[in-house]
N, C-alpha and C. Protein backbone atom coordinates (compact mmCIF):
# COMPACT_ATOMS: atom_id res chain seq x y z
N UNK A 1 31.63 -9.28 -35.46
CA UNK A 1 30.92 -10.17 -35.87
C UNK A 1 30.32 -10.01 -34.62
N UNK A 2 28.86 -10.67 -34.50
CA UNK A 2 28.29 -11.19 -33.10
C UNK A 2 27.20 -12.24 -32.73
N UNK A 3 27.41 -11.92 -31.56
CA UNK A 3 26.58 -13.43 -31.47
C UNK A 3 25.88 -13.50 -30.20
N UNK A 4 24.44 -13.83 -30.49
CA UNK A 4 23.14 -13.86 -29.20
C UNK A 4 22.81 -15.74 -28.87
N UNK A 5 23.06 -15.29 -27.22
CA UNK A 5 22.50 -16.73 -27.11
C UNK A 5 21.81 -16.15 -25.51
N UNK A 6 20.63 -17.78 -25.18
CA UNK A 6 19.64 -17.12 -24.78
C UNK A 6 19.52 -18.97 -24.07
N UNK A 7 18.66 -18.31 -22.90
CA UNK A 7 17.77 -19.92 -22.41
C UNK A 7 16.75 -19.11 -22.05
N UNK A 8 15.85 -19.99 -21.79
CA UNK A 8 14.58 -20.33 -20.64
C UNK A 8 14.25 -21.63 -20.14
N UNK A 9 14.09 -21.54 -19.17
CA UNK A 9 13.60 -22.63 -18.54
C UNK A 9 11.72 -22.04 -17.62
N UNK A 10 10.80 -23.41 -17.65
CA UNK A 10 9.75 -22.99 -17.65
C UNK A 10 9.39 -24.03 -16.72
N UNK A 11 8.94 -23.99 -14.90
CA UNK A 11 8.94 -24.92 -14.67
C UNK A 11 7.24 -24.58 -14.28
N UNK A 12 6.41 -26.42 -14.40
CA UNK A 12 5.31 -25.66 -14.09
C UNK A 12 4.62 -26.32 -13.19
N UNK A 13 3.53 -26.37 -12.71
CA UNK A 13 3.38 -27.48 -11.53
C UNK A 13 2.65 -28.54 -12.29
N UNK A 14 2.63 -29.51 -11.09
CA UNK A 14 2.40 -31.28 -11.37
C UNK A 14 1.39 -31.56 -10.98
N UNK A 15 0.47 -30.98 -9.76
CA UNK A 15 -0.84 -31.00 -9.33
C UNK A 15 -2.19 -30.93 -10.39
N UNK A 16 -2.46 -31.62 -10.19
CA UNK A 16 -4.17 -30.99 -10.29
C UNK A 16 -4.68 -29.77 -10.72
N UNK A 17 -5.67 -29.41 -10.93
CA UNK A 17 -6.06 -27.98 -10.86
C UNK A 17 -7.53 -28.28 -10.36
N UNK A 18 -8.00 -29.23 -10.07
CA UNK A 18 -9.23 -29.39 -9.52
C UNK A 18 -9.46 -29.12 -8.56
N UNK A 19 -8.98 -28.94 -7.28
CA UNK A 19 -9.10 -28.73 -6.24
C UNK A 19 -8.51 -26.76 -5.59
N UNK A 20 -9.22 -26.07 -4.89
CA UNK A 20 -8.66 -25.06 -4.54
C UNK A 20 -7.67 -24.47 -3.92
N UNK A 21 -7.00 -25.07 -3.26
CA UNK A 21 -5.07 -25.05 -2.89
C UNK A 21 -4.39 -24.91 -4.54
N UNK A 22 -4.96 -25.86 -5.48
CA UNK A 22 -4.09 -25.94 -6.79
C UNK A 22 -4.17 -24.39 -7.21
N UNK A 23 -5.45 -24.20 -7.44
CA UNK A 23 -6.12 -23.31 -8.47
C UNK A 23 -5.75 -21.46 -7.51
N UNK A 24 -5.42 -21.72 -6.15
CA UNK A 24 -5.12 -21.02 -5.83
C UNK A 24 -3.40 -20.25 -5.78
N UNK A 25 -2.76 -21.62 -5.85
CA UNK A 25 -1.73 -21.25 -6.01
C UNK A 25 -1.57 -21.25 -7.76
N UNK A 26 -2.51 -21.70 -8.59
CA UNK A 26 -2.19 -21.05 -10.10
C UNK A 26 -1.90 -20.12 -10.37
N UNK A 27 -3.04 -19.07 -9.24
CA UNK A 27 -3.20 -17.96 -9.59
C UNK A 27 -1.93 -16.70 -8.75
N UNK A 28 -1.03 -17.14 -8.58
CA UNK A 28 0.13 -16.58 -7.99
C UNK A 28 0.40 -15.53 -9.06
N UNK A 29 0.88 -14.63 -8.65
CA UNK A 29 1.89 -13.55 -9.66
C UNK A 29 3.52 -13.55 -9.02
N UNK A 30 4.03 -13.83 -10.81
CA UNK A 30 4.92 -14.18 -10.62
C UNK A 30 6.44 -12.82 -10.33
N UNK A 31 7.22 -13.49 -9.61
CA UNK A 31 8.31 -11.72 -9.47
C UNK A 31 9.14 -12.19 -10.39
N UNK A 32 9.43 -11.03 -11.84
CA UNK A 32 10.50 -11.42 -12.15
C UNK A 32 11.63 -10.13 -12.10
N UNK A 33 13.07 -11.09 -11.86
CA UNK A 33 13.93 -10.03 -11.87
C UNK A 33 15.33 -10.15 -13.46
N UNK A 34 15.15 -8.87 -13.74
CA UNK A 34 15.90 -9.21 -14.98
C UNK A 34 17.37 -8.35 -14.73
N UNK A 35 18.22 -8.62 -15.95
CA UNK A 35 19.18 -7.54 -15.60
C UNK A 35 20.04 -7.54 -17.41
N UNK A 36 20.47 -6.77 -17.74
CA UNK A 36 21.49 -6.12 -19.15
C UNK A 36 22.81 -6.24 -18.71
N UNK A 37 23.75 -6.65 -19.67
CA UNK A 37 24.73 -5.79 -19.87
C UNK A 37 24.89 -5.04 -21.53
N UNK A 38 25.18 -4.40 -20.90
CA UNK A 38 25.52 -3.77 -22.35
C UNK A 38 26.61 -4.13 -23.40
N UNK A 39 26.38 -4.66 -23.91
CA UNK A 39 27.25 -5.28 -25.24
C UNK A 39 27.23 -4.32 -26.54
N UNK A 40 26.85 -3.46 -26.91
CA UNK A 40 26.71 -2.72 -27.78
C UNK A 40 25.01 -3.49 -28.45
N UNK A 41 24.44 -4.13 -27.67
CA UNK A 41 22.74 -4.54 -28.18
C UNK A 41 22.09 -4.02 -27.01
N UNK A 42 21.80 -2.38 -26.65
CA UNK A 42 21.24 -1.45 -25.56
C UNK A 42 19.63 -2.31 -25.09
N UNK A 43 19.32 -3.22 -26.35
CA UNK A 43 17.51 -3.64 -25.84
C UNK A 43 17.65 -4.97 -25.46
N UNK A 44 18.73 -5.81 -25.69
CA UNK A 44 18.50 -7.05 -25.45
C UNK A 44 19.38 -7.66 -23.77
N UNK A 45 18.21 -7.92 -23.47
CA UNK A 45 18.63 -8.63 -22.30
C UNK A 45 19.55 -9.49 -22.10
N UNK A 46 20.70 -9.47 -21.21
CA UNK A 46 21.57 -10.62 -21.00
C UNK A 46 21.10 -11.70 -20.53
N UNK A 47 20.32 -11.44 -19.53
CA UNK A 47 19.06 -12.69 -19.41
C UNK A 47 18.37 -12.70 -18.38
N UNK A 48 17.00 -13.47 -18.00
CA UNK A 48 16.43 -13.03 -17.42
C UNK A 48 15.50 -14.16 -15.75
N UNK A 49 15.62 -13.78 -15.62
CA UNK A 49 14.85 -14.80 -14.32
C UNK A 49 13.44 -14.64 -13.57
N UNK A 50 12.75 -15.64 -13.49
CA UNK A 50 11.34 -15.77 -12.71
C UNK A 50 11.76 -16.38 -11.88
N UNK A 51 11.02 -15.62 -10.55
CA UNK A 51 11.20 -16.42 -9.43
C UNK A 51 8.87 -16.16 -8.92
N UNK A 52 8.50 -17.53 -8.56
CA UNK A 52 7.00 -17.45 -8.01
C UNK A 52 7.44 -18.17 -6.63
N UNK A 53 6.75 -17.35 -5.69
CA UNK A 53 6.56 -17.77 -4.56
C UNK A 53 5.10 -17.74 -3.50
N UNK A 54 4.98 -19.55 -3.24
CA UNK A 54 4.05 -19.61 -2.73
C UNK A 54 3.92 -20.40 -1.31
N UNK A 55 2.69 -20.47 -0.67
CA UNK A 55 2.73 -21.16 0.69
C UNK A 55 1.93 -22.28 -0.10
N UNK A 56 2.47 -23.38 1.06
CA UNK A 56 1.90 -24.58 1.02
C UNK A 56 0.38 -25.12 0.59
N UNK A 57 -0.12 -26.02 0.04
CA UNK A 57 -1.57 -25.73 -0.80
C UNK A 57 -2.41 -25.75 0.65
N UNK A 58 -1.36 -26.61 1.57
CA UNK A 58 -2.25 -27.25 3.32
C UNK A 58 -2.39 -26.41 3.66
N UNK A 59 -1.38 -25.32 3.99
CA UNK A 59 -1.32 -24.20 5.11
C UNK A 59 -2.68 -22.92 4.65
N UNK A 60 -2.79 -23.18 2.73
CA UNK A 60 -3.53 -22.34 2.01
C UNK A 60 -4.86 -22.67 3.00
N UNK A 61 -5.72 -23.87 2.58
CA UNK A 61 -6.85 -24.20 2.55
C UNK A 61 -7.09 -24.22 4.16
N UNK A 62 -6.00 -24.23 5.33
CA UNK A 62 -6.42 -24.22 6.89
C UNK A 62 -6.47 -22.44 6.77
N UNK A 63 -6.30 -21.85 6.15
CA UNK A 63 -6.37 -20.27 6.52
C UNK A 63 -7.00 -20.28 6.17
N UNK A 64 -7.90 -20.42 4.91
CA UNK A 64 -9.15 -20.42 4.38
C UNK A 64 -10.04 -20.96 5.43
N UNK A 65 -9.88 -22.18 5.85
CA UNK A 65 -11.03 -22.74 6.80
C UNK A 65 -11.08 -21.58 8.15
N UNK A 66 -10.21 -20.84 9.09
CA UNK A 66 -10.14 -20.65 9.83
C UNK A 66 -10.83 -18.95 9.53
N UNK A 67 -10.48 -18.28 8.46
CA UNK A 67 -10.72 -17.67 8.03
C UNK A 67 -12.53 -17.86 7.77
N UNK A 68 -12.64 -18.09 7.23
CA UNK A 68 -14.56 -18.98 6.92
C UNK A 68 -15.22 -18.52 8.55
N UNK A 69 -14.25 -19.40 9.11
CA UNK A 69 -14.62 -19.78 10.58
C UNK A 69 -15.48 -18.60 11.40
N UNK A 70 -13.87 -17.72 11.41
CA UNK A 70 -14.17 -16.28 12.12
C UNK A 70 -14.74 -15.24 11.57
N UNK A 71 -14.44 -15.19 10.75
CA UNK A 71 -16.17 -14.12 9.79
C UNK A 71 -17.47 -14.92 9.81
N UNK A 72 -17.45 -16.02 9.82
CA UNK A 72 -18.87 -16.62 10.11
C UNK A 72 -19.47 -16.65 8.42
N UNK A 73 -18.43 -16.99 7.35
CA UNK A 73 -19.04 -17.08 6.38
C UNK A 73 -19.50 -18.07 5.43
N UNK A 74 -20.60 -18.41 4.92
CA UNK A 74 -20.80 -19.67 4.19
C UNK A 74 -20.35 -20.58 3.53
N UNK A 75 -20.64 -21.82 2.97
CA UNK A 75 -19.49 -22.40 2.51
C UNK A 75 -19.73 -21.52 0.80
N UNK A 76 -20.66 -21.53 0.72
CA UNK A 76 -21.17 -19.90 -0.99
C UNK A 76 -20.11 -19.32 -1.15
N UNK A 77 -19.35 -18.95 0.04
CA UNK A 77 -18.90 -17.79 -0.13
C UNK A 77 -17.05 -18.26 -0.70
N UNK A 78 -16.86 -17.51 -1.83
CA UNK A 78 -15.90 -18.32 -2.78
C UNK A 78 -14.90 -17.33 -1.87
N UNK A 79 -13.24 -18.31 -1.84
CA UNK A 79 -12.33 -17.78 -0.69
C UNK A 79 -10.92 -18.20 -1.59
N UNK A 80 -9.90 -17.11 -2.45
CA UNK A 80 -8.95 -17.83 -2.82
C UNK A 80 -7.53 -17.12 -1.99
N UNK A 81 -6.88 -17.34 -2.59
CA UNK A 81 -5.73 -16.66 -1.83
C UNK A 81 -5.08 -15.36 -2.02
N UNK A 82 -6.26 -14.97 -2.86
CA UNK A 82 -6.34 -13.23 -3.47
C UNK A 82 -7.30 -12.92 -2.81
N UNK A 83 -8.01 -13.19 -1.54
CA UNK A 83 -9.43 -12.71 -0.84
C UNK A 83 -8.83 -11.79 0.12
N UNK A 84 -9.28 -10.51 0.02
CA UNK A 84 -8.40 -9.70 1.05
C UNK A 84 -9.82 -9.71 2.42
N UNK A 85 -9.19 -9.73 3.87
CA UNK A 85 -10.13 -9.65 4.51
C UNK A 85 -10.79 -8.50 4.68
N UNK A 86 -10.80 -7.22 4.45
CA UNK A 86 -11.58 -5.95 4.99
C UNK A 86 -12.67 -6.35 3.54
N UNK A 87 -12.62 -6.94 2.04
CA UNK A 87 -13.37 -6.97 1.02
C UNK A 87 -14.48 -8.47 2.35
N UNK A 88 -13.93 -9.15 2.75
CA UNK A 88 -15.24 -10.08 3.50
C UNK A 88 -15.84 -9.71 4.17
N UNK A 89 -15.75 -8.10 4.66
CA UNK A 89 -16.41 -7.64 5.70
C UNK A 89 -15.45 -7.71 7.33
N UNK A 90 -14.37 -7.71 7.48
CA UNK A 90 -13.64 -7.91 8.59
C UNK A 90 -12.96 -6.83 9.23
N UNK A 91 -12.84 -6.15 10.25
CA UNK A 91 -12.39 -5.02 10.82
C UNK A 91 -11.43 -5.19 11.33
N UNK A 92 -11.02 -4.48 11.70
CA UNK A 92 -9.10 -4.77 12.12
C UNK A 92 -9.35 -5.88 13.68
N UNK A 93 -10.44 -5.37 14.36
CA UNK A 93 -11.13 -6.95 15.30
C UNK A 93 -10.49 -7.85 15.26
N UNK A 94 -11.44 -8.51 13.73
CA UNK A 94 -11.70 -9.32 12.93
C UNK A 94 -10.28 -10.07 12.51
N UNK A 95 -9.74 -9.05 11.91
CA UNK A 95 -8.32 -9.40 11.76
C UNK A 95 -7.12 -9.91 13.05
N UNK A 96 -7.43 -9.31 14.04
CA UNK A 96 -7.17 -9.70 15.08
C UNK A 96 -6.68 -11.17 15.88
N UNK A 97 -8.53 -11.48 15.74
CA UNK A 97 -9.16 -13.04 16.42
C UNK A 97 -8.65 -13.81 14.70
N UNK A 98 -8.31 -13.40 13.36
CA UNK A 98 -7.98 -14.73 12.51
C UNK A 98 -6.37 -14.49 13.37
N UNK A 99 -5.72 -13.75 13.10
CA UNK A 99 -4.07 -13.84 13.04
C UNK A 99 -4.25 -14.26 14.80
N UNK A 100 -5.00 -14.73 15.61
CA UNK A 100 -5.01 -15.06 16.87
C UNK A 100 -5.28 -16.39 16.59
N UNK A 101 -6.39 -17.24 16.20
CA UNK A 101 -6.68 -18.59 15.27
C UNK A 101 -5.75 -18.58 14.52
N UNK A 102 -5.03 -18.38 13.41
CA UNK A 102 -3.63 -18.81 13.11
C UNK A 102 -3.06 -19.26 13.62
N UNK A 103 -2.29 -18.39 14.89
CA UNK A 103 -0.91 -18.67 16.21
C UNK A 103 -1.70 -19.92 16.92
N UNK A 104 -3.08 -20.00 17.29
CA UNK A 104 -3.05 -21.10 17.89
C UNK A 104 -2.99 -22.43 17.21
N UNK A 105 -2.92 -22.49 16.20
CA UNK A 105 -3.82 -23.53 15.24
C UNK A 105 -2.71 -24.23 14.73
N UNK A 106 -1.18 -22.66 14.48
CA UNK A 106 0.11 -23.37 13.58
C UNK A 106 1.26 -23.45 14.52
N UNK A 107 0.90 -23.24 16.13
CA UNK A 107 1.73 -23.03 17.73
C UNK A 107 2.34 -21.98 16.69
N UNK A 108 2.62 -20.84 16.34
CA UNK A 108 3.51 -19.95 15.89
C UNK A 108 2.84 -18.68 16.83
N UNK A 109 4.33 -17.71 16.65
CA UNK A 109 3.99 -16.58 17.36
C UNK A 109 4.02 -15.48 16.53
N UNK A 110 3.53 -14.94 16.09
CA UNK A 110 3.36 -13.45 14.81
C UNK A 110 3.36 -12.07 15.63
N UNK A 111 4.58 -11.84 15.05
CA UNK A 111 4.80 -10.17 15.56
C UNK A 111 3.95 -9.19 15.34
N UNK A 112 3.69 -8.20 15.86
CA UNK A 112 2.35 -7.17 15.67
C UNK A 112 2.82 -6.45 14.80
N UNK A 113 3.88 -6.21 14.71
CA UNK A 113 4.32 -5.58 12.83
C UNK A 113 3.59 -6.56 11.98
N UNK A 114 4.15 -7.34 11.83
CA UNK A 114 3.88 -8.18 11.05
C UNK A 114 2.33 -8.52 11.16
N UNK A 115 1.87 -8.67 11.83
CA UNK A 115 0.41 -8.82 11.88
C UNK A 115 -0.33 -8.09 11.36
N UNK A 116 0.20 -6.61 11.34
CA UNK A 116 -0.32 -5.22 10.10
C UNK A 116 -0.66 -5.42 9.17
N UNK A 117 0.54 -6.40 8.63
CA UNK A 117 0.71 -6.21 7.01
C UNK A 117 -0.19 -7.53 6.23
N UNK A 118 -0.62 -8.26 7.50
CA UNK A 118 -1.92 -9.38 6.63
C UNK A 118 -2.69 -8.75 6.47
N UNK A 119 -3.29 -9.14 4.77
CA UNK A 119 -4.58 -8.65 4.30
C UNK A 119 -5.47 -9.56 3.52
N UNK A 120 -4.58 -10.28 3.35
CA UNK A 120 -5.12 -11.72 2.60
C UNK A 120 -4.69 -12.72 2.86
N UNK A 121 -5.34 -13.86 2.47
CA UNK A 121 -5.54 -15.02 2.65
C UNK A 121 -3.84 -15.67 2.44
N UNK A 122 -3.23 -15.52 1.19
CA UNK A 122 -2.02 -15.35 0.47
C UNK A 122 -0.98 -15.06 1.69
N UNK A 123 -0.60 -13.90 1.82
CA UNK A 123 -0.40 -13.46 2.91
C UNK A 123 0.36 -14.11 4.34
N UNK A 124 -1.59 -14.16 4.71
CA UNK A 124 -1.37 -14.97 5.79
C UNK A 124 -0.68 -16.58 5.72
N UNK A 125 -1.28 -16.96 4.58
CA UNK A 125 -0.22 -18.75 4.56
C UNK A 125 1.07 -18.68 4.63
N UNK A 126 1.33 -17.69 3.37
CA UNK A 126 2.96 -17.21 3.40
C UNK A 126 3.95 -17.13 4.91
N UNK A 127 3.38 -16.34 5.64
CA UNK A 127 3.45 -16.01 6.90
C UNK A 127 3.45 -16.70 7.63
N UNK A 128 2.69 -17.76 7.93
CA UNK A 128 2.70 -19.10 8.35
C UNK A 128 3.81 -20.36 7.85
N UNK A 129 4.13 -20.25 6.89
CA UNK A 129 5.15 -21.37 6.44
C UNK A 129 6.16 -20.52 6.89
N UNK A 130 6.74 -19.48 6.53
CA UNK A 130 7.90 -18.48 6.91
C UNK A 130 8.61 -18.86 8.68
N UNK A 131 7.29 -18.73 9.36
CA UNK A 131 7.58 -19.12 10.83
C UNK A 131 7.29 -20.63 11.03
N UNK A 132 6.79 -21.54 10.27
CA UNK A 132 6.77 -22.72 10.68
C UNK A 132 8.00 -22.93 10.17
N UNK A 133 9.16 -22.90 9.68
CA UNK A 133 10.63 -23.02 8.54
C UNK A 133 11.05 -22.79 10.16
N UNK A 134 11.10 -21.13 10.11
CA UNK A 134 11.88 -20.90 11.06
C UNK A 134 12.36 -21.25 12.46
N UNK A 135 10.61 -21.82 13.01
CA UNK A 135 10.67 -22.53 14.22
C UNK A 135 11.14 -23.97 14.24
N UNK A 136 11.03 -24.67 12.98
CA UNK A 136 11.57 -25.72 12.82
C UNK A 136 13.26 -26.06 12.66
N UNK A 137 13.74 -25.08 11.79
CA UNK A 137 14.99 -25.33 11.17
C UNK A 137 15.58 -23.92 11.83
N UNK A 138 15.62 -22.71 12.59
CA UNK A 138 16.10 -21.93 13.60
C UNK A 138 16.33 -22.76 14.77
N UNK A 139 15.35 -23.53 14.87
CA UNK A 139 15.72 -23.92 16.41
C UNK A 139 14.94 -23.19 17.59
N UNK A 140 13.84 -21.68 17.44
CA UNK A 140 14.36 -20.69 18.64
C UNK A 140 12.46 -21.26 18.88
């Protein structure tokens, strides 16, 4: 006798998709983690867990505002959380200036190793939220 049981949970955003922050958050790619237990059904996954991480919408908005100002982009230039600095015309000096402006705006200190890994608005916003949380929670 064999029995199979499964559970699926799906969380949907409660906010309206009308503003740019909501659109940016909605376009995040989920991270899927799954594991299987071989109990005679080799192709059957025992459980699956999906995780999506996102920076606060207000952080994304502020990063977009700073990037737009630092790169002197027109209001018509579309910026999303997936916008790559290089695709917007930023060189390495521009990226350093963006990071410096973010440090000043959010009163954080970005390590050089971390700043070299920032290539998109989302990466910057995620890093900022992490550093702000560490600063307020970690007492550093």
